[in-house]
Amino acid sequence: METEPKSAQSVRPCPTEPLAAPTRSLSKITNRARVKSAKTPTAIVYCEGNFSKIDGKTANGLVRHSETYRILSVIDSSCSGKDSGQMLDEVPNGITIFKDLEAAVTHEEEVPDTLIYGMAPSTGKLSDEDRGVILEAIALGINIVGGLHEYLSDDPEFSAAAKVGRGVWIRDIRKPRPSKDMRLFDGSIAGVTSKRIAVLGTDCAIGKRTTATVLARVLNERGIRTLLIGTGQTGLMQGARYGVAMDAVPPQFCCGELEGAIVAAFEAEQPEVILIEGQGALSHPAFCTSAFILRGSQPDAVILQHAPKRAHRCDFPSMPMPGPADEIALIQAFADTKVIGLTVNHEDMNEAEIDSAIKFYSLKLGLPVTDALSRPVDELLQMVLSAFPELVERPIVAA
């Protein structure tokens, strides 16, 4: 098994075990070319039964945006043959959904570099079917990237398969550094003069990362140097240059690790704006990450994401969703910050309902309200410029 590139976590050595047989025939593709290249690595995203759904948020994010990988296709037999962009956002992107790994690989001229596990199930565990697909990929010499709490590189069967495979490495996005290398919060965030804006939400899997990604892009396009700090597995997979998977870090180090990522980004690149990707919700009893994000990043401002048609917390049908006014009050009581705007997740909403929600919340909250995906990005930009008029748009000079 090869050592993974420096940017990724190396696989721990495991005892050699027999290579398990793949669950499907690979006879058509076992002799396909396996070409290693210095170019952006290609990837297939595995999202069986969950693409465009809440538990498929990693796959959803990767087909929308990825700097680390060139996404070739998605695997989900429940919507095989569809264009993933059309299905997700009603805008075709040329990334096709296939029924299985064999169909996805056969479609390409060369065997892809990577298989990404593109789901975030509430259990955080692999199914037996998932295991079979990962073993198939390893047998083809395809690298594996996972974002679960179950570390694939620690699995004896996967590690043994990779050892006898063709130069395969396994990367676990959520595998943290050793505790001895982690840092405690030390207050150095006070020396960061960039405007720090956290994008939080009223629930998990509600679009915080997507809104933060759109905002980072528009700010940079308008000449306002901006960096996005990743705090979850999807953002780090997409290519966030600074960040930490917060929910994989022991609590005593969470604030310090995030502070360290922000300080490193500031010292290395001197951005005008630092956006911090939110996780969970401050009011959600199942997650503590929002609290750590607020403490560790000490944001100057917060943008709150809310899904008006979502009746209950994701994966918790007995927990009604909070209203944004309650979440705003909690955030501003918990941290020395201000909520500068609300962004709408338009799941299960038509155009008229989006318009109605934007008008309703704008009047009720006295804040700017928009939808990062369905409304002009200038509205999101103005939300920030209104709160921080010292940030000045400027034309970008071509290199």
Protein backbone atom coordinates (compact mmCIF):
# COMPACT_ATOMS: atom_id res chain seq x y z
CA MET A 1 0.00 0.00 0.00
CA GLU A 2 1.48 3.34 -1.02
CA THR A 3 1.97 6.28 1.26
CA GLU A 4 -0.65 8.93 0.67
CA PRO A 5 0.40 12.39 -0.55
CA LYS A 6 1.53 14.82 2.16
CA SER A 7 -1.80 16.65 2.12
CA ALA A 8 -3.62 13.53 3.21
CA GLN A 9 -3.56 11.21 6.20
CA SER A 10 -1.42 8.13 5.73
CA VAL A 11 -2.91 4.70 6.32
CA ARG A 12 -1.81 2.95 9.49
CA PRO A 13 -0.15 -0.41 8.91
CA CYS A 14 -2.44 -3.37 9.46
CA PRO A 15 -1.83 -7.12 9.33
CA THR A 16 -2.20 -8.67 5.90
CA GLU A 17 -5.48 -10.50 5.33
CA PRO A 18 -6.96 -12.22 2.28
CA LEU A 19 -8.52 -9.89 -0.27
CA ALA A 20 -12.30 -10.21 -0.06
CA ALA A 21 -14.09 -10.94 -3.32
CA PRO A 22 -15.98 -7.99 -4.86
CA THR A 23 -19.76 -8.21 -4.75
CA ARG A 24 -20.13 -7.65 -8.51
CA SER A 25 -18.19 -8.86 -11.55
CA LEU A 26 -15.29 -6.63 -12.55
CA SER A 27 -14.33 -8.67 -15.60
CA LYS A 28 -15.04 -5.82 -17.98
CA ILE A 29 -12.79 -3.32 -16.28
CA THR A 30 -9.98 -5.09 -14.43
CA ASN A 31 -7.64 -4.56 -17.36
CA ARG A 32 -8.47 -0.90 -17.93
CA ALA A 33 -5.62 1.60 -17.84
CA ARG A 34 -4.63 2.92 -14.43
CA VAL A 35 -2.79 6.13 -15.24
CA LYS A 36 -1.25 8.29 -12.50
CA SER A 37 -1.09 11.97 -13.32
CA ALA A 38 0.06 15.22 -11.75
CA LYS A 39 -3.21 16.83 -12.83
CA THR A 40 -6.23 17.30 -10.59
CA PRO A 41 -7.22 13.77 -9.50
CA THR A 42 -10.46 12.39 -10.90
CA ALA A 43 -13.16 11.01 -8.62
CA ILE A 44 -16.39 9.05 -8.54
CA VAL A 45 -18.72 9.87 -5.64
CA TYR A 46 -20.57 6.97 -4.05
CA CYS A 47 -24.00 7.99 -2.74
CA GLU A 48 -26.24 4.94 -3.03
CA GLY A 49 -29.89 5.78 -2.34
CA ASN A 50 -29.11 9.26 -1.00
CA PHE A 51 -28.17 11.67 -3.79
CA SER A 52 -29.96 15.04 -3.45
CA LYS A 53 -31.18 13.96 0.00
CA ILE A 54 -30.02 15.15 3.41
CA ASP A 55 -27.74 12.15 4.09
CA GLY A 56 -26.14 12.69 0.66
CA LYS A 57 -24.94 16.17 1.56
CA THR A 58 -21.28 15.31 0.91
CA ALA A 59 -22.04 14.15 -2.64
CA ASN A 60 -24.36 17.12 -3.16
CA GLY A 61 -21.60 19.51 -2.13
CA LEU A 62 -18.93 17.87 -4.26
CA VAL A 63 -20.92 18.01 -7.50
CA ARG A 64 -21.59 21.69 -6.84
CA HIS A 65 -18.01 22.62 -6.04
CA SER A 66 -14.65 20.86 -5.75
CA GLU A 67 -11.15 22.26 -6.05
CA THR A 68 -9.45 19.04 -4.92
CA TYR A 69 -11.01 16.56 -7.36
CA ARG A 70 -12.49 16.59 -10.85
CA ILE A 71 -15.79 14.86 -10.20
CA LEU A 72 -16.59 12.46 -13.04
CA SER A 73 -19.81 10.81 -11.86
CA VAL A 74 -22.03 9.78 -8.99
CA ILE A 75 -23.18 6.27 -8.04
CA ASP A 76 -26.83 5.96 -6.96
CA SER A 77 -28.96 3.24 -8.53
CA SER A 78 -32.17 4.99 -7.44
CA CYS A 79 -31.60 7.80 -9.98
CA SER A 80 -29.30 6.16 -12.54
CA GLY A 81 -28.97 7.94 -15.88
CA LYS A 82 -29.83 11.40 -14.61
CA ASP A 83 -27.63 14.48 -14.70
CA SER A 84 -26.65 15.27 -11.10
CA GLY A 85 -26.80 19.04 -11.57
CA GLN A 86 -30.24 18.86 -13.14
CA MET A 87 -31.49 16.68 -10.31
CA LEU A 88 -29.94 18.80 -7.55
CA ASP A 89 -30.33 22.38 -8.79
CA GLU A 90 -32.21 22.08 -12.12
CA VAL A 91 -29.01 23.14 -13.93
CA PRO A 92 -27.20 20.40 -15.92
CA ASN A 93 -23.52 19.97 -15.01
CA GLY A 94 -22.51 16.97 -17.16
CA ILE A 95 -21.85 14.78 -14.10
CA THR A 96 -23.90 11.63 -14.74
CA ILE A 97 -25.36 9.35 -12.08
CA PHE A 98 -24.66 5.61 -12.65
CA LYS A 99 -26.21 2.51 -11.15
CA ASP A 100 -22.98 1.00 -9.82
CA LEU A 101 -19.20 1.21 -9.80
CA GLU A 102 -18.77 -0.98 -12.88
CA ALA A 103 -21.00 1.27 -14.97
CA ALA A 104 -19.25 4.41 -13.72
CA VAL A 105 -15.74 3.12 -14.41
CA THR A 106 -16.63 1.57 -17.78
CA HIS A 107 -17.90 4.97 -18.89
CA GLU A 108 -14.40 6.50 -18.52
CA GLU A 109 -11.42 6.02 -20.82
CA GLU A 110 -9.16 5.50 -17.81
CA VAL A 111 -9.83 4.13 -14.36
CA PRO A 112 -10.57 7.12 -12.08
CA ASP A 113 -8.09 8.00 -9.34
CA THR A 114 -10.48 8.11 -6.40
CA LEU A 115 -13.73 6.81 -4.97
CA ILE A 116 -15.24 9.23 -2.45
CA TYR A 117 -17.75 7.98 0.08
CA GLY A 118 -20.30 10.75 -0.40
CA MET A 119 -22.79 10.13 2.39
CA ALA A 120 -23.11 11.30 5.97
CA PRO A 121 -25.49 8.79 7.58
CA SER A 122 -26.63 9.53 11.12
CA THR A 123 -25.07 6.22 12.23
CA GLY A 124 -21.68 7.22 10.82
CA LYS A 125 -21.23 3.56 9.80
CA LEU A 126 -20.75 1.60 6.58
CA SER A 127 -23.36 -0.88 5.39
CA ASP A 128 -22.38 -4.30 4.00
CA GLU A 129 -23.18 -3.00 0.51
CA ASP A 130 -20.91 0.00 1.07
CA ARG A 131 -18.07 -2.30 2.08
CA GLY A 132 -18.45 -4.33 -1.08
CA VAL A 133 -18.20 -1.25 -3.29
CA ILE A 134 -15.09 -0.02 -1.49
CA LEU A 135 -13.43 -3.41 -1.93
CA GLU A 136 -14.32 -3.37 -5.64
CA ALA A 137 -12.69 0.03 -6.00
CA ILE A 138 -9.53 -1.05 -4.18
CA ALA A 139 -9.28 -4.11 -6.44
CA LEU A 140 -9.25 -1.74 -9.42
CA GLY A 141 -6.45 0.35 -7.94
CA ILE A 142 -8.74 3.23 -7.02
CA ASN A 143 -7.85 5.32 -3.98
CA ILE A 144 -10.48 5.72 -1.25
CA VAL A 145 -11.58 8.89 0.55
CA GLY A 146 -14.00 8.66 3.47
CA GLY A 147 -15.50 11.19 5.82
CA LEU A 148 -17.10 8.93 8.41
CA HIS A 149 -16.33 8.60 12.09
CA GLU A 150 -15.56 4.97 11.20
CA TYR A 151 -12.00 5.26 9.87
CA LEU A 152 -11.61 3.22 6.70
CA SER A 153 -7.82 3.18 6.99
CA ASP A 154 -8.12 1.38 10.34
CA ASP A 155 -10.29 -1.38 8.87
CA PRO A 156 -8.13 -4.55 8.58
CA GLU A 157 -9.97 -5.83 5.51
CA PHE A 158 -9.59 -2.56 3.59
CA SER A 159 -5.96 -2.10 4.61
CA ALA A 160 -5.10 -5.65 3.63
CA ALA A 161 -6.80 -5.19 0.26
CA ALA A 162 -4.92 -1.95 -0.35
CA LYS A 163 -1.60 -3.60 0.48
CA VAL A 164 -2.02 -6.21 -2.24
CA GLY A 165 -3.66 -3.73 -4.61
CA ARG A 166 -2.06 -1.45 -7.14
CA GLY A 167 -0.63 1.45 -5.13
CA VAL A 168 -3.87 2.31 -3.33
CA TRP A 169 -4.07 4.71 -0.39
CA ILE A 170 -6.98 5.39 1.93
CA ARG A 171 -7.69 8.84 3.34
CA ASP A 172 -9.95 9.53 6.33
CA ILE A 173 -10.90 13.20 6.35
CA ARG A 174 -12.17 13.04 9.92
CA LYS A 175 -9.11 11.33 11.38
CA PRO A 176 -7.60 13.94 13.72
CA ARG A 177 -3.99 14.63 14.53
CA PRO A 178 -2.57 12.87 17.60
CA SER A 179 -3.65 14.63 20.80
CA LYS A 180 -0.03 15.47 21.58
CA ASP A 181 0.05 17.67 18.45
CA MET A 182 -3.23 19.49 19.12
CA ARG A 183 -3.38 22.99 20.51
CA LEU A 184 -5.47 24.59 23.22
CA PHE A 185 -7.16 27.94 22.77
CA ASP A 186 -4.65 30.66 23.70
CA GLY A 187 -6.34 33.90 22.64
CA SER A 188 -4.16 34.52 19.60
CA ILE A 189 -7.36 34.96 17.55
CA ALA A 190 -7.38 38.52 18.94
CA GLY A 191 -4.47 39.34 16.64
CA VAL A 192 -6.43 38.39 13.51
CA THR A 193 -7.61 41.65 11.92
CA SER A 194 -9.59 40.05 9.08
CA LYS A 195 -13.35 40.37 9.34
CA ARG A 196 -14.52 36.99 10.61
CA ILE A 197 -17.99 35.84 9.59
CA ALA A 198 -19.45 32.50 10.71
CA VAL A 199 -22.22 30.91 8.66
CA LEU A 200 -24.39 29.09 11.19
CA GLY A 201 -27.83 27.47 10.96
CA THR A 202 -30.98 26.37 12.73
CA ASP A 203 -30.25 22.68 12.02
CA CYS A 204 -27.63 20.35 10.61
CA ALA A 205 -27.50 19.58 6.85
CA ILE A 206 -29.26 22.85 6.08
CA GLY A 207 -26.88 24.45 3.55
CA LYS A 208 -24.40 26.38 5.67
CA ARG A 209 -21.39 25.17 3.70
CA THR A 210 -23.06 25.88 0.36
CA THR A 211 -23.94 29.43 1.36
CA ALA A 212 -20.41 29.99 2.70
CA THR A 213 -18.92 28.67 -0.55
CA VAL A 214 -21.10 30.95 -2.68
CA LEU A 215 -20.27 33.94 -0.49
CA ALA A 216 -16.53 33.24 -0.62
CA ARG A 217 -16.68 33.07 -4.40
CA VAL A 218 -18.59 36.33 -4.88
CA LEU A 219 -16.40 38.24 -2.41
CA ASN A 220 -13.25 37.10 -4.19
CA GLU A 221 -14.78 37.90 -7.58
CA ARG A 222 -15.39 41.46 -6.37
CA GLY A 223 -11.78 41.85 -5.29
CA ILE A 224 -12.29 41.32 -1.55
CA ARG A 225 -9.68 38.75 -0.57
CA THR A 226 -11.58 35.99 1.27
CA LEU A 227 -10.72 32.58 2.72
CA LEU A 228 -13.16 29.89 3.81
CA ILE A 229 -12.24 27.83 6.87
CA GLY A 230 -13.57 24.27 6.59
CA THR A 231 -14.97 22.70 9.73
CA GLY A 232 -16.46 19.48 8.34
CA GLN A 233 -15.55 16.61 6.07
CA THR A 234 -17.23 17.94 2.92
CA GLY A 235 -15.59 21.36 3.01
CA LEU A 236 -12.20 19.75 3.50
CA MET A 237 -12.85 17.33 0.64
CA GLN A 238 -13.84 20.23 -1.59
CA GLY A 239 -10.45 21.82 -1.08
CA ALA A 240 -10.58 24.20 1.89
CA ARG A 241 -6.89 25.03 2.43
CA TYR A 242 -7.37 25.70 6.13
CA GLY A 243 -9.63 24.01 8.61
CA VAL A 244 -10.31 21.06 10.86
CA ALA A 245 -13.08 18.44 11.09
CA MET A 246 -14.47 19.80 14.33
CA ASP A 247 -16.61 16.84 15.34
CA ALA A 248 -13.59 14.51 15.28
CA VAL A 249 -11.52 16.57 17.73
CA PRO A 250 -11.62 15.99 21.52
CA PRO A 251 -13.70 18.80 23.08
CA GLN A 252 -10.86 20.35 25.06
CA PHE A 253 -8.95 21.00 21.81
CA CYS A 254 -11.83 22.09 19.52
CA CYS A 255 -11.56 25.83 20.15
CA GLY A 256 -7.78 25.78 19.96
CA GLU A 257 -7.62 23.75 16.76
CA LEU A 258 -10.06 26.09 15.02
CA GLU A 259 -8.27 29.15 16.37
CA GLY A 260 -5.00 27.71 15.04
CA ALA A 261 -6.45 27.18 11.55
CA ILE A 262 -7.73 30.76 11.43
CA VAL A 263 -4.47 32.24 12.73
CA ALA A 264 -2.50 30.19 10.19
CA ALA A 265 -4.75 31.37 7.35
CA PHE A 266 -4.43 34.99 8.45
CA GLU A 267 -0.66 34.92 8.86
CA ALA A 268 -0.05 33.13 5.57
CA GLU A 269 -2.48 34.99 3.31
CA GLN A 270 -3.64 38.19 5.02
CA PRO A 271 -7.25 38.00 3.78
CA GLU A 272 -9.71 40.82 4.32
CA VAL A 273 -12.48 38.37 5.20
CA ILE A 274 -12.37 34.94 6.82
CA LEU A 275 -15.55 32.87 6.53
CA ILE A 276 -16.07 30.05 9.00
CA GLU A 277 -18.24 27.13 7.92
CA GLY A 278 -20.84 26.27 10.56
CA GLN A 279 -21.79 22.84 11.88
CA GLY A 280 -25.03 21.67 13.49
CA ALA A 281 -26.92 24.40 15.35
CA LEU A 282 -26.26 26.11 18.65
CA SER A 283 -29.74 25.17 19.86
CA HIS A 284 -29.49 21.52 18.75
CA PRO A 285 -28.97 19.18 21.72
CA ALA A 286 -27.20 16.55 19.60
CA PHE A 287 -24.35 18.84 18.49
CA CYS A 288 -21.81 20.97 20.34
CA THR A 289 -19.81 22.14 17.34
CA SER A 290 -21.57 25.49 16.91
CA ALA A 291 -20.57 26.40 20.46
CA PHE A 292 -16.94 25.56 19.73
CA ILE A 293 -17.06 27.49 16.45
CA LEU A 294 -18.37 30.60 18.17
CA ARG A 295 -15.80 30.34 20.96
CA GLY A 296 -12.83 29.39 18.78
CA SER A 297 -13.38 31.81 15.89
CA GLN A 298 -14.73 34.77 17.91
CA PRO A 299 -16.66 35.96 14.81
CA ASP A 300 -17.38 39.62 14.18
CA ALA A 301 -20.66 38.59 12.57
CA VAL A 302 -22.90 35.63 11.83
CA ILE A 303 -25.08 34.78 8.85
CA LEU A 304 -27.85 32.35 9.81
CA GLN A 305 -29.22 29.68 7.45
CA HIS A 306 -32.80 28.46 7.89
CA ALA A 307 -35.17 26.09 6.04
CA PRO A 308 -38.71 27.51 6.38
CA LYS A 309 -40.48 24.34 5.25
CA ARG A 310 -38.49 21.94 7.44
CA ALA A 311 -40.88 20.84 10.19
CA HIS A 312 -38.46 19.04 12.49
CA ARG A 313 -34.76 18.60 13.12
CA CYS A 314 -32.93 16.39 10.65
CA ASP A 315 -33.06 12.76 11.92
CA PHE A 316 -35.06 13.88 14.98
CA PRO A 317 -38.79 13.81 14.08
CA SER A 318 -39.80 14.51 17.68
CA MET A 319 -37.84 17.80 17.74
CA PRO A 320 -39.62 20.73 16.06
CA MET A 321 -37.43 23.22 14.21
CA PRO A 322 -36.66 26.46 16.04
CA GLY A 323 -37.58 29.79 14.50
CA PRO A 324 -34.72 31.98 13.31
CA ALA A 325 -35.57 34.71 15.83
CA ASP A 326 -35.00 32.28 18.71
CA GLU A 327 -31.73 31.04 17.21
CA ILE A 328 -30.51 34.61 16.68
CA ALA A 329 -31.30 35.51 20.28
CA LEU A 330 -29.41 32.43 21.50
CA ILE A 331 -26.35 33.13 19.32
CA GLN A 332 -26.13 36.77 20.39
CA ALA A 333 -26.56 35.84 24.06
CA PHE A 334 -23.90 33.11 23.83
CA ALA A 335 -21.23 35.08 21.96
CA ASP A 336 -20.11 38.68 21.56
CA THR A 337 -21.24 38.89 17.94
CA LYS A 338 -24.13 40.06 15.78
CA VAL A 339 -26.29 38.27 13.24
CA ILE A 340 -26.19 40.37 10.05
CA GLY A 341 -28.57 38.43 7.84
CA LEU A 342 -30.62 35.33 7.16
CA THR A 343 -30.22 32.97 4.22
CA VAL A 344 -33.02 30.64 3.16
CA ASN A 345 -32.71 26.98 2.27
CA HIS A 346 -35.47 26.53 -0.31
CA GLU A 347 -36.00 22.78 0.13
CA ASP A 348 -39.62 21.82 -0.74
CA MET A 349 -40.41 25.44 -1.69
CA ASN A 350 -41.59 26.93 -4.98
CA GLU A 351 -40.65 30.38 -6.24
CA ALA A 352 -43.68 32.08 -4.70
CA GLU A 353 -42.95 30.49 -1.33
CA ILE A 354 -39.32 31.60 -1.45
CA ASP A 355 -40.38 35.18 -2.20
CA SER A 356 -42.93 35.07 0.59
CA ALA A 357 -40.43 33.70 3.12
CA ILE A 358 -37.82 36.33 2.21
CA LYS A 359 -40.34 39.15 2.67
CA PHE A 360 -41.75 37.67 5.89
CA TYR A 361 -38.41 37.14 7.64
CA SER A 362 -36.98 40.44 6.44
CA LEU A 363 -39.90 42.28 8.04
CA LYS A 364 -40.02 40.13 11.17
CA LEU A 365 -36.27 40.14 11.89
CA GLY A 366 -35.35 43.56 10.52
CA LEU A 367 -32.45 41.94 8.65
CA PRO A 368 -31.50 41.39 5.01
CA VAL A 369 -32.74 37.98 3.80
CA THR A 370 -31.85 36.08 0.63
CA ASP A 371 -31.35 32.62 -0.86
CA ALA A 372 -27.74 31.98 -1.90
CA LEU A 373 -28.71 29.57 -4.67
CA SER A 374 -31.93 30.91 -6.16
CA ARG A 375 -31.48 34.66 -5.82
CA PRO A 376 -28.82 37.02 -7.29
CA VAL A 377 -25.49 36.67 -5.51
CA ASP A 378 -25.30 40.46 -5.23
CA GLU A 379 -27.93 40.22 -2.48
CA LEU A 380 -25.59 38.00 -0.45
CA LEU A 381 -22.68 40.33 -1.18
CA GLN A 382 -24.65 43.39 -0.05
CA MET A 383 -25.53 41.63 3.19
CA VAL A 384 -21.83 41.68 4.06
CA LEU A 385 -21.04 45.13 2.64
CA SER A 386 -23.92 46.68 4.56
CA ALA A 387 -22.57 45.26 7.81
CA PHE A 388 -18.96 46.17 6.98
CA PRO A 389 -18.93 49.24 4.71
CA GLU A 390 -15.17 49.47 5.13
CA LEU A 391 -14.89 46.48 2.79
CA VAL A 392 -14.60 48.02 -0.64
CA GLU A 393 -15.27 46.27 -3.93
CA ARG A 394 -12.52 46.71 -6.45
CA PRO A 395 -11.94 45.42 -9.98
CA ILE A 396 -9.81 42.31 -10.25
CA VAL A 397 -6.69 42.81 -12.31
CA ALA A 398 -6.07 39.93 -14.70
CA ALA A 399 -2.81 38.10 -14.09
